[in-house]
PDB file of all heavy atoms in Angstrom:
ATOM      1  N   CYS A   1     163.655  31.440  96.611  1.00  0.00           N
ATOM      2  CA  CYS A   1     163.298  30.672  97.804  1.00  0.00           C
ATOM      3  C   CYS A   1     164.499  29.864  98.314  1.00  0.00           C
ATOM      4  O   CYS A   1     164.767  29.808  99.503  1.00  0.00           O
ATOM      5  CB  CYS A   1     162.124  29.758  97.497  1.00  0.00           C
ATOM      6  SG  CYS A   1     161.511  28.902  98.950  1.00  0.00           S
ATOM      7  N   ARG A   2     165.229  29.273  97.379  1.00  0.00           N
ATOM      8  CA  ARG A   2     166.386  28.455  97.731  1.00  0.00           C
ATOM      9  C   ARG A   2     167.519  29.304  98.317  1.00  0.00           C
ATOM     10  O   ARG A   2     168.298  28.848  99.143  1.00  0.00           O
ATOM     11  CB  ARG A   2     166.860  27.724  96.468  1.00  0.00           C
ATOM     12  CG  ARG A   2     168.011  26.790  96.649  1.00  0.00           C
ATOM     13  CD  ARG A   2     168.309  26.016  95.387  1.00  0.00           C
ATOM     14  NE  ARG A   2     168.364  26.832  94.175  1.00  0.00           N
ATOM     15  CZ  ARG A   2     169.436  27.551  93.809  1.00  0.00           C
ATOM     16  NH1 ARG A   2     170.506  27.533  94.542  1.00  0.00           N
ATOM     17  NH2 ARG A   2     169.421  28.248  92.696  1.00  0.00           N
ATOM     18  N   LEU A   3     167.607  30.574  97.921  1.00  0.00           N
ATOM     19  CA  LEU A   3     168.704  31.435  98.357  1.00  0.00           C
ATOM     20  C   LEU A   3     168.369  32.274  99.585  1.00  0.00           C
ATOM     21  O   LEU A   3     169.204  33.033 100.042  1.00  0.00           O
ATOM     22  CB  LEU A   3     169.125  32.358  97.212  1.00  0.00           C
ATOM     23  CG  LEU A   3     169.805  31.661  96.048  1.00  0.00           C
ATOM     24  CD1 LEU A   3     169.962  32.613  94.882  1.00  0.00           C
ATOM     25  CD2 LEU A   3     171.140  31.110  96.471  1.00  0.00           C
ATOM     26  N   ASP A   4     167.171  32.140 100.108  1.00  0.00           N
ATOM     27  CA  ASP A   4     166.820  32.945 101.266  1.00  0.00           C
ATOM     28  C   ASP A   4     167.567  32.477 102.506  1.00  0.00           C
ATOM     29  O   ASP A   4     168.294  33.223 103.130  1.00  0.00           O
ATOM     30  CB  ASP A   4     165.310  32.916 101.500  1.00  0.00           C
ATOM     31  CG  ASP A   4     164.906  33.872 102.598  1.00  0.00           C
ATOM     32  OD1 ASP A   4     165.457  34.985 102.626  1.00  0.00           O
ATOM     33  OD2 ASP A   4     164.064  33.511 103.425  1.00  0.00           O
ATOM     34  N   GLN A   5     167.402  31.220 102.867  1.00  0.00           N
ATOM     35  CA  GLN A   5     168.104  30.657 104.016  1.00  0.00           C
ATOM     36  C   GLN A   5     169.206  29.756 103.486  1.00  0.00           C
ATOM     37  O   GLN A   5     168.951  28.839 102.725  1.00  0.00           O
ATOM     38  CB  GLN A   5     167.137  29.865 104.878  1.00  0.00           C
ATOM     39  CG  GLN A   5     167.774  29.356 106.145  1.00  0.00           C
ATOM     40  CD  GLN A   5     166.750  28.733 107.071  1.00  0.00           C
ATOM     41  OE1 GLN A   5     165.560  28.933 106.924  1.00  0.00           O
ATOM     42  NE2 GLN A   5     167.228  27.980 108.031  1.00  0.00           N
ATOM     43  N   LEU A   6     170.447  30.029 103.902  1.00  0.00           N
ATOM     44  CA  LEU A   6     171.618  29.335 103.361  1.00  0.00           C
ATOM     45  C   LEU A   6     172.190  28.370 104.396  1.00  0.00           C
ATOM     46  O   LEU A   6     172.852  28.799 105.349  1.00  0.00           O
ATOM     47  CB  LEU A   6     172.683  30.366 102.959  1.00  0.00           C
ATOM     48  CG  LEU A   6     172.195  31.470 102.008  1.00  0.00           C
ATOM     49  CD1 LEU A   6     173.204  32.597 101.957  1.00  0.00           C
ATOM     50  CD2 LEU A   6     171.917  30.900 100.650  1.00  0.00           C
ATOM     51  N   PRO A   7     171.948  27.069 104.250  1.00  0.00           N
ATOM     52  CA  PRO A   7     172.460  26.088 105.220  1.00  0.00           C
ATOM     53  C   PRO A   7     173.992  26.042 105.207  1.00  0.00           C
ATOM     54  O   PRO A   7     174.603  26.009 104.142  1.00  0.00           O
ATOM     55  CB  PRO A   7     171.873  24.762 104.747  1.00  0.00           C
ATOM     56  CG  PRO A   7     170.773  25.109 103.808  1.00  0.00           C
ATOM     57  CD  PRO A   7     171.119  26.433 103.221  1.00  0.00           C
ATOM     58  N   TYR A   8     174.585  26.038 106.384  1.00  0.00           N
ATOM     59  CA  TYR A   8     176.048  25.987 106.480  1.00  0.00           C
ATOM     60  C   TYR A   8     176.614  24.752 105.787  1.00  0.00           C
ATOM     61  O   TYR A   8     177.666  24.816 105.167  1.00  0.00           O
ATOM     62  CB  TYR A   8     176.496  25.996 107.940  1.00  0.00           C
ATOM     63  CG  TYR A   8     176.264  27.312 108.636  1.00  0.00           C
ATOM     64  CD1 TYR A   8     175.429  27.382 109.749  1.00  0.00           C
ATOM     65  CD2 TYR A   8     176.872  28.471 108.204  1.00  0.00           C
ATOM     66  CE1 TYR A   8     175.217  28.580 110.401  1.00  0.00           C
ATOM     67  CE2 TYR A   8     176.667  29.676 108.855  1.00  0.00           C
ATOM     68  CZ  TYR A   8     175.843  29.728 109.944  1.00  0.00           C
ATOM     69  OH  TYR A   8     175.634  30.918 110.582  1.00  0.00           O
ATOM     70  N   ALA A   9     175.924  23.625 105.907  1.00  0.00           N
ATOM     71  CA  ALA A   9     176.418  22.386 105.296  1.00  0.00           C
ATOM     72  C   ALA A   9     176.532  22.527 103.778  1.00  0.00           C
ATOM     73  O   ALA A   9     177.430  21.959 103.167  1.00  0.00           O
ATOM     74  CB  ALA A   9     175.495  21.223 105.647  1.00  0.00           C
ATOM     75  N   GLU A  10     175.631  23.306 103.165  1.00  0.00           N
ATOM     76  CA  GLU A  10     175.674  23.495 101.722  1.00  0.00           C
ATOM     77  C   GLU A  10     176.646  24.592 101.300  1.00  0.00           C
ATOM     78  O   GLU A  10     176.991  24.701 100.127  1.00  0.00           O
ATOM     79  CB  GLU A  10     174.275  23.805 101.188  1.00  0.00           C
ATOM     80  CG  GLU A  10     173.326  22.633 101.311  1.00  0.00           C
ATOM     81  CD  GLU A  10     171.962  22.941 100.742  1.00  0.00           C
ATOM     82  OE1 GLU A  10     171.885  23.697  99.745  1.00  0.00           O
ATOM     83  OE2 GLU A  10     170.979  22.435 101.292  1.00  0.00           O
ATOM     84  N   LEU A  11     177.080  25.425 102.241  1.00  0.00           N
ATOM     85  CA  LEU A  11     178.064  26.473 101.940  1.00  0.00           C
ATOM     86  C   LEU A  11     179.497  25.988 102.139  1.00  0.00           C
ATOM     87  O   LEU A  11     180.435  26.641 101.729  1.00  0.00           O
ATOM     88  CB  LEU A  11     177.827  27.693 102.832  1.00  0.00           C
ATOM     89  CG  LEU A  11     176.559  28.483 102.593  1.00  0.00           C
ATOM     90  CD1 LEU A  11     176.383  29.527 103.687  1.00  0.00           C
ATOM     91  CD2 LEU A  11     176.557  29.125 101.227  1.00  0.00           C
ATOM     92  N   ASP A  12     179.653  24.857 102.777  1.00  0.00           N
ATOM     93  CA  ASP A  12     180.969  24.328 103.125  1.00  0.00           C
ATOM     94  C   ASP A  12     181.630  23.660 101.915  1.00  0.00           C
ATOM     95  O   ASP A  12     180.957  23.078 101.071  1.00  0.00           O
ATOM     96  CB  ASP A  12     180.824  23.318 104.266  1.00  0.00           C
ATOM     97  CG  ASP A  12     182.156  22.959 104.881  1.00  0.00           C
ATOM     98  OD1 ASP A  12     183.115  23.728 104.717  1.00  0.00           O
ATOM     99  OD2 ASP A  12     182.231  21.901 105.527  1.00  0.00           O
ATOM    100  N   GLY A  13     182.963  23.738 101.869  1.00  0.00           N
ATOM    101  CA  GLY A  13     183.720  23.065 100.809  1.00  0.00           C
ATOM    102  C   GLY A  13     183.505  23.705  99.452  1.00  0.00           C
ATOM    103  O   GLY A  13     183.244  24.889  99.331  1.00  0.00           O
ATOM    104  N   VAL A  14     183.640  22.906  98.404  1.00  0.00           N
ATOM    105  CA  VAL A  14     183.389  23.382  97.045  1.00  0.00           C
ATOM    106  C   VAL A  14     181.877  23.377  96.862  1.00  0.00           C
ATOM    107  O   VAL A  14     181.258  22.336  96.710  1.00  0.00           O
ATOM    108  CB  VAL A  14     184.076  22.474  96.003  1.00  0.00           C
ATOM    109  CG1 VAL A  14     183.774  22.959  94.607  1.00  0.00           C
ATOM    110  CG2 VAL A  14     185.569  22.410  96.257  1.00  0.00           C
ATOM    111  N   SER A  15     181.292  24.562  96.892  1.00  0.00           N
ATOM    112  CA  SER A  15     179.842  24.661  96.970  1.00  0.00           C
ATOM    113  C   SER A  15     179.277  25.495  95.824  1.00  0.00           C
ATOM    114  O   SER A  15     179.672  26.648  95.630  1.00  0.00           O
ATOM    115  CB  SER A  15     179.467  25.302  98.305  1.00  0.00           C
ATOM    116  OG  SER A  15     178.150  25.719  98.316  1.00  0.00           O
ATOM    117  N   ASP A  16     178.335  24.909  95.091  1.00  0.00           N
ATOM    118  CA  ASP A  16     177.643  25.660  94.041  1.00  0.00           C
ATOM    119  C   ASP A  16     176.789  26.767  94.637  1.00  0.00           C
ATOM    120  O   ASP A  16     176.664  27.841  94.058  1.00  0.00           O
ATOM    121  CB  ASP A  16     176.762  24.722  93.210  1.00  0.00           C
ATOM    122  CG  ASP A  16     177.577  23.770  92.346  1.00  0.00           C
ATOM    123  OD1 ASP A  16     178.742  24.099  92.047  1.00  0.00           O
ATOM    124  OD2 ASP A  16     177.049  22.696  91.989  1.00  0.00           O
ATOM    125  N   LEU A  17     176.213  26.505  95.804  1.00  0.00           N
ATOM    126  CA  LEU A  17     175.382  27.501  96.472  1.00  0.00           C
ATOM    127  C   LEU A  17     176.215  28.728  96.842  1.00  0.00           C
ATOM    128  O   LEU A  17     175.804  29.866  96.611  1.00  0.00           O
ATOM    129  CB  LEU A  17     174.723  26.907  97.714  1.00  0.00           C
ATOM    130  CG  LEU A  17     173.827  27.848  98.510  1.00  0.00           C
ATOM    131  CD1 LEU A  17     172.637  28.302  97.674  1.00  0.00           C
ATOM    132  CD2 LEU A  17     173.356  27.171  99.786  1.00  0.00           C
ATOM    133  N   ARG A  18     177.394  28.507  97.423  1.00  0.00           N
ATOM    134  CA  ARG A  18     178.250  29.627  97.802  1.00  0.00           C
ATOM    135  C   ARG A  18     178.693  30.420  96.571  1.00  0.00           C
ATOM    136  O   ARG A  18     178.714  31.645  96.578  1.00  0.00           O
ATOM    137  CB  ARG A  18     179.467  29.149  98.604  1.00  0.00           C
ATOM    138  CG  ARG A  18     180.195  30.301  99.270  1.00  0.00           C
ATOM    139  CD  ARG A  18     181.356  29.886 100.132  1.00  0.00           C
ATOM    140  NE  ARG A  18     182.455  29.406  99.327  1.00  0.00           N
ATOM    141  CZ  ARG A  18     182.851  28.154  99.237  1.00  0.00           C
ATOM    142  NH1 ARG A  18     182.240  27.218  99.928  1.00  0.00           N
ATOM    143  NH2 ARG A  18     183.862  27.810  98.480  1.00  0.00           N
ATOM    144  N   LEU A  19     179.018  29.714  95.481  1.00  0.00           N
ATOM    145  CA  LEU A  19     179.409  30.406  94.247  1.00  0.00           C
ATOM    146  C   LEU A  19     178.267  31.256  93.703  1.00  0.00           C
ATOM    147  O   LEU A  19     178.490  32.372  93.223  1.00  0.00           O
ATOM    148  CB  LEU A  19     179.861  29.389  93.200  1.00  0.00           C
ATOM    149  CG  LEU A  19     181.170  28.655  93.509  1.00  0.00           C
ATOM    150  CD1 LEU A  19     181.444  27.602  92.452  1.00  0.00           C
ATOM    151  CD2 LEU A  19     182.322  29.634  93.611  1.00  0.00           C
ATOM    152  N   GLU A  20     177.048  30.743  93.795  1.00  0.00           N
ATOM    153  CA  GLU A  20     175.885  31.496  93.327  1.00  0.00           C
ATOM    154  C   GLU A  20     175.648  32.736  94.193  1.00  0.00           C
ATOM    155  O   GLU A  20     175.358  33.821  93.678  1.00  0.00           O
ATOM    156  CB  GLU A  20     174.655  30.589  93.351  1.00  0.00           C
ATOM    157  CG  GLU A  20     173.453  31.172  92.669  1.00  0.00           C
ATOM    158  CD  GLU A  20     172.313  30.177  92.545  1.00  0.00           C
ATOM    159  OE1 GLU A  20     172.471  28.997  92.924  1.00  0.00           O
ATOM    160  OE2 GLU A  20     171.249  30.606  92.072  1.00  0.00           O
ATOM    161  N   VAL A  21     175.806  32.584  95.495  1.00  0.00           N
ATOM    162  CA  VAL A  21     175.639  33.711  96.409  1.00  0.00           C
ATOM    163  C   VAL A  21     176.711  34.770  96.154  1.00  0.00           C
ATOM    164  O   VAL A  21     176.415  35.969  96.091  1.00  0.00           O
ATOM    165  CB  VAL A  21     175.678  33.226  97.882  1.00  0.00           C
ATOM    166  CG1 VAL A  21     175.830  34.385  98.841  1.00  0.00           C
ATOM    167  CG2 VAL A  21     174.445  32.418  98.197  1.00  0.00           C
ATOM    168  N   VAL A  22     177.946  34.340  95.980  1.00  0.00           N
ATOM    169  CA  VAL A  22     179.043  35.271  95.719  1.00  0.00           C
ATOM    170  C   VAL A  22     178.823  36.001  94.389  1.00  0.00           C
ATOM    171  O   VAL A  22     179.065  37.205  94.278  1.00  0.00           O
ATOM    172  CB  VAL A  22     180.398  34.529  95.748  1.00  0.00           C
ATOM    173  CG1 VAL A  22     181.518  35.375  95.187  1.00  0.00           C
ATOM    174  CG2 VAL A  22     180.715  34.099  97.170  1.00  0.00           C
ATOM    175  N   CYS A  23     178.318  35.289  93.400  1.00  0.00           N
ATOM    176  CA  CYS A  23     178.006  35.900  92.109  1.00  0.00           C
ATOM    177  C   CYS A  23     176.920  36.973  92.261  1.00  0.00           C
ATOM    178  O   CYS A  23     177.023  38.060  91.683  1.00  0.00           O
ATOM    179  CB  CYS A  23     177.587  34.821  91.115  1.00  0.00           C
ATOM    180  SG  CYS A  23     177.263  35.442  89.476  1.00  0.00           S
ATOM    181  N   LEU A  24     175.892  36.689  93.051  1.00  0.00           N
ATOM    182  CA  LEU A  24     174.849  37.683  93.301  1.00  0.00           C
ATOM    183  C   LEU A  24     175.398  38.899  94.045  1.00  0.00           C
ATOM    184  O   LEU A  24     175.010  40.031  93.767  1.00  0.00           O
ATOM    185  CB  LEU A  24     173.698  37.073  94.097  1.00  0.00           C
ATOM    186  CG  LEU A  24     172.744  36.171  93.334  1.00  0.00           C
ATOM    187  CD1 LEU A  24     171.758  35.517  94.282  1.00  0.00           C
ATOM    188  CD2 LEU A  24     172.006  36.956  92.265  1.00  0.00           C
ATOM    189  N   LEU A  25     176.299  38.660  94.986  1.00  0.00           N
ATOM    190  CA  LEU A  25     176.920  39.786  95.697  1.00  0.00           C
ATOM    191  C   LEU A  25     177.760  40.637  94.753  1.00  0.00           C
ATOM    192  O   LEU A  25     177.673  41.861  94.765  1.00  0.00           O
ATOM    193  CB  LEU A  25     177.800  39.275  96.834  1.00  0.00           C
ATOM    194  CG  LEU A  25     177.094  38.899  98.120  1.00  0.00           C
ATOM    195  CD1 LEU A  25     178.054  38.185  99.062  1.00  0.00           C
ATOM    196  CD2 LEU A  25     176.523  40.130  98.794  1.00  0.00           C
ATOM    197  N   ARG A  26     178.571  39.974  93.938  1.00  0.00           N
ATOM    198  CA  ARG A  26     179.477  40.693  93.032  1.00  0.00           C
ATOM    199  C   ARG A  26     178.720  41.436  91.927  1.00  0.00           C
ATOM    200  O   ARG A  26     179.001  42.593  91.646  1.00  0.00           O
ATOM    201  CB  ARG A  26     180.486  39.728  92.407  1.00  0.00           C
ATOM    202  CG  ARG A  26     181.468  40.406  91.463  1.00  0.00           C
ATOM    203  CD  ARG A  26     182.507  39.457  90.915  1.00  0.00           C
ATOM    204  NE  ARG A  26     183.475  39.148  91.969  1.00  0.00           N
ATOM    205  CZ  ARG A  26     183.645  37.936  92.503  1.00  0.00           C
ATOM    206  NH1 ARG A  26     182.956  36.905  92.074  1.00  0.00           N
ATOM    207  NH2 ARG A  26     184.530  37.744  93.449  1.00  0.00           N
ATOM    208  N   ASN A  27     177.758  40.775  91.312  1.00  0.00           N
ATOM    209  CA  ASN A  27     177.098  41.345  90.144  1.00  0.00           C
ATOM    210  C   ASN A  27     175.775  42.043  90.453  1.00  0.00           C
ATOM    211  O   ASN A  27     175.244  42.739  89.595  1.00  0.00           O
ATOM    212  CB  ASN A  27     176.835  40.248  89.104  1.00  0.00           C
ATOM    213  CG  ASN A  27     178.116  39.611  88.641  1.00  0.00           C
ATOM    214  OD1 ASN A  27     179.164  40.245  88.583  1.00  0.00           O
ATOM    215  ND2 ASN A  27     178.051  38.335  88.325  1.00  0.00           N
ATOM    216  N   GLY A  28     175.251  41.841  91.647  1.00  0.00           N
ATOM    217  CA  GLY A  28     173.968  42.456  91.998  1.00  0.00           C
ATOM    218  C   GLY A  28     174.057  43.423  93.159  1.00  0.00           C
ATOM    219  O   GLY A  28     173.773  44.612  93.021  1.00  0.00           O
ATOM    220  N   ALA A  29     174.461  42.928  94.319  1.00  0.00           N
ATOM    221  CA  ALA A  29     174.460  43.761  95.530  1.00  0.00           C
ATOM    222  C   ALA A  29     175.514  44.862  95.480  1.00  0.00           C
ATOM    223  O   ALA A  29     175.220  46.004  95.826  1.00  0.00           O
ATOM    224  CB  ALA A  29     174.668  42.895  96.764  1.00  0.00           C
ATOM    225  N   ALA A  30     176.736  44.546  95.061  1.00  0.00           N
ATOM    226  CA  ALA A  30     177.802  45.558  95.053  1.00  0.00           C
ATOM    227  C   ALA A  30     177.464  46.736  94.135  1.00  0.00           C
ATOM    228  O   ALA A  30     177.557  47.896  94.572  1.00  0.00           O
ATOM    229  CB  ALA A  30     179.141  44.921  94.678  1.00  0.00           C
ATOM    230  N   PRO A  31     177.049  46.506  92.873  1.00  0.00           N
ATOM    231  CA  PRO A  31     176.672  47.662  92.035  1.00  0.00           C
ATOM    232  C   PRO A  31     175.458  48.415  92.585  1.00  0.00           C
ATOM    233  O   PRO A  31     175.401  49.640  92.511  1.00  0.00           O
ATOM    234  CB  PRO A  31     176.344  47.033  90.679  1.00  0.00           C
ATOM    235  CG  PRO A  31     177.003  45.718  90.669  1.00  0.00           C
ATOM    236  CD  PRO A  31     177.060  45.270  92.092  1.00  0.00           C
ATOM    237  N   PHE A  32     174.500  47.669  93.151  1.00  0.00           N
ATOM    238  CA  PHE A  32     173.330  48.324  93.735  1.00  0.00           C
ATOM    239  C   PHE A  32     173.746  49.226  94.893  1.00  0.00           C
ATOM    240  O   PHE A  32     173.279  50.367  95.007  1.00  0.00           O
ATOM    241  CB  PHE A  32     172.324  47.281  94.211  1.00  0.00           C
ATOM    242  CG  PHE A  32     171.211  47.873  95.017  1.00  0.00           C
ATOM    243  CD1 PHE A  32     170.172  48.533  94.386  1.00  0.00           C
ATOM    244  CD2 PHE A  32     171.212  47.792  96.395  1.00  0.00           C
ATOM    245  CE1 PHE A  32     169.150  49.108  95.128  1.00  0.00           C
ATOM    246  CE2 PHE A  32     170.200  48.353  97.144  1.00  0.00           C
ATOM    247  CZ  PHE A  32     169.163  49.012  96.511  1.00  0.00           C
ATOM    248  N   LEU A  33     174.619  48.741  95.767  1.00  0.00           N
ATOM    249  CA  LEU A  33     175.046  49.530  96.918  1.00  0.00           C
ATOM    250  C   LEU A  33     175.856  50.751  96.489  1.00  0.00           C
ATOM    251  O   LEU A  33     175.822  51.784  97.163  1.00  0.00           O
ATOM    252  CB  LEU A  33     175.834  48.659  97.895  1.00  0.00           C
ATOM    253  CG  LEU A  33     175.003  47.575  98.587  1.00  0.00           C
ATOM    254  CD1 LEU A  33     175.891  46.667  99.420  1.00  0.00           C
ATOM    255  CD2 LEU A  33     173.894  48.173  99.423  1.00  0.00           C
ATOM    256  N   GLU A  34     176.578  50.645  95.374  1.00  0.00           N
ATOM    257  CA  GLU A  34     177.293  51.810  94.832  1.00  0.00           C
ATOM    258  C   GLU A  34     176.298  52.917  94.490  1.00  0.00           C
ATOM    259  O   GLU A  34     176.511  54.073  94.819  1.00  0.00           O
ATOM    260  CB  GLU A  34     178.073  51.425  93.569  1.00  0.00           C
ATOM    261  CG  GLU A  34     179.307  50.605  93.811  1.00  0.00           C
ATOM    262  CD  GLU A  34     180.459  51.410  94.389  1.00  0.00           C
ATOM    263  OE1 GLU A  34     180.562  52.621  94.115  1.00  0.00           O
ATOM    264  OE2 GLU A  34     181.241  50.818  95.142  1.00  0.00           O
ATOM    265  N   GLN A  35     175.208  52.561  93.810  1.00  0.00           N
ATOM    266  CA  GLN A  35     174.196  53.547  93.447  1.00  0.00           C
ATOM    267  C   GLN A  35     173.402  54.013  94.667  1.00  0.00           C
ATOM    268  O   GLN A  35     173.037  55.184  94.757  1.00  0.00           O
ATOM    269  CB  GLN A  35     173.226  52.967  92.423  1.00  0.00           C
ATOM    270  CG  GLN A  35     173.812  52.827  91.047  1.00  0.00           C
ATOM    271  CD  GLN A  35     172.760  52.378  90.040  1.00  0.00           C
ATOM    272  OE1 GLN A  35     171.770  51.753  90.409  1.00  0.00           O
ATOM    273  NE2 GLN A  35     172.992  52.702  88.787  1.00  0.00           N
ATOM    274  N   ALA A  36     173.128  53.125  95.600  1.00  0.00           N
ATOM    275  CA  ALA A  36     172.319  53.457  96.775  1.00  0.00           C
ATOM    276  C   ALA A  36     173.043  54.401  97.718  1.00  0.00           C
ATOM    277  O   ALA A  36     172.415  55.011  98.584  1.00  0.00           O
ATOM    278  CB  ALA A  36     171.917  52.185  97.513  1.00  0.00           C
ATOM    279  N   GLN A  37     174.345  54.547  97.566  1.00  0.00           N
ATOM    280  CA  GLN A  37     175.144  55.430  98.420  1.00  0.00           C
ATOM    281  C   GLN A  37     174.834  56.895  98.138  1.00  0.00           C
ATOM    282  O   GLN A  37     175.032  57.742  98.989  1.00  0.00           O
ATOM    283  CB  GLN A  37     176.630  55.158  98.170  1.00  0.00           C
ATOM    284  CG  GLN A  37     177.558  55.796  99.154  1.00  0.00           C
ATOM    285  CD  GLN A  37     177.801  54.930 100.363  1.00  0.00           C
ATOM    286  OE1 GLN A  37     177.775  53.729 100.269  1.00  0.00           O
ATOM    287  NE2 GLN A  37     178.037  55.543 101.484  1.00  0.00           N
ATOM    288  N   GLY A  38     174.318  57.198  96.958  1.00  0.00           N
ATOM    289  CA  GLY A  38     174.138  58.582  96.536  1.00  0.00           C
ATOM    290  C   GLY A  38     172.873  59.237  97.057  1.00  0.00           C
ATOM    291  O   GLY A  38     172.087  58.669  97.810  1.00  0.00           O
ATOM    292  N   LEU A  39     172.654  60.470  96.594  1.00  0.00           N
ATOM    293  CA  LEU A  39     171.539  61.300  97.028  1.00  0.00           C
ATOM    294  C   LEU A  39     170.190  60.651  96.769  1.00  0.00           C
ATOM    295  O   LEU A  39     169.291  60.697  97.602  1.00  0.00           O
ATOM    296  CB  LEU A  39     171.605  62.657  96.308  1.00  0.00           C
ATOM    297  CG  LEU A  39     170.461  63.628  96.567  1.00  0.00           C
ATOM    298  CD1 LEU A  39     170.412  64.013  98.034  1.00  0.00           C
ATOM    299  CD2 LEU A  39     170.611  64.860  95.701  1.00  0.00           C
ATOM    300  N   PHE A  40     170.034  60.007  95.611  1.00  0.00           N
ATOM    301  CA  PHE A  40     168.744  59.413  95.264  1.00  0.00           C
ATOM    302  C   PHE A  40     168.718  57.911  95.529  1.00  0.00           C
ATOM    303  O   PHE A  40     167.879  57.197  94.995  1.00  0.00           O
ATOM    304  CB  PHE A  40     168.413  59.706  93.797  1.00  0.00           C
ATOM    305  CG  PHE A  40     168.288  61.180  93.534  1.00  0.00           C
ATOM    306  CD1 PHE A  40     169.258  61.853  92.817  1.00  0.00           C
ATOM    307  CD2 PHE A  40     167.222  61.884  94.046  1.00  0.00           C
ATOM    308  CE1 PHE A  40     169.157  63.205  92.599  1.00  0.00           C
ATOM    309  CE2 PHE A  40     167.108  63.245  93.836  1.00  0.00           C
ATOM    310  CZ  PHE A  40     168.080  63.919  93.107  1.00  0.00           C
ATOM    311  N   GLY A  41     169.602  57.446  96.369  1.00  0.00           N
ATOM    312  CA  GLY A  41     169.673  56.030  96.695  1.00  0.00           C
ATOM    313  C   GLY A  41     168.409  55.478  97.337  1.00  0.00           C
ATOM    314  O   GLY A  41     168.076  54.315  97.163  1.00  0.00           O
ATOM    315  N   SER A  42     167.682  56.324  98.071  1.00  0.00           N
ATOM    316  CA  SER A  42     166.465  55.845  98.727  1.00  0.00           C
ATOM    317  C   SER A  42     165.351  55.554  97.726  1.00  0.00           C
ATOM    318  O   SER A  42     164.365  54.917  98.072  1.00  0.00           O
ATOM    319  CB  SER A  42     165.978  56.859  99.758  1.00  0.00           C
ATOM    320  OG  SER A  42     165.640  58.079  99.115  1.00  0.00           O
TER     321      SER A  42
END
């Protein structure tokens, strides 16, 4: 719930929220998109 809408004020500067989002992108979305690119990605 907290990560759905990301307020700019909380993403600015040294931000724990931004680090958490980047971690999810690096460790979750990027590997998922690698697999989703293939034939059985759907």
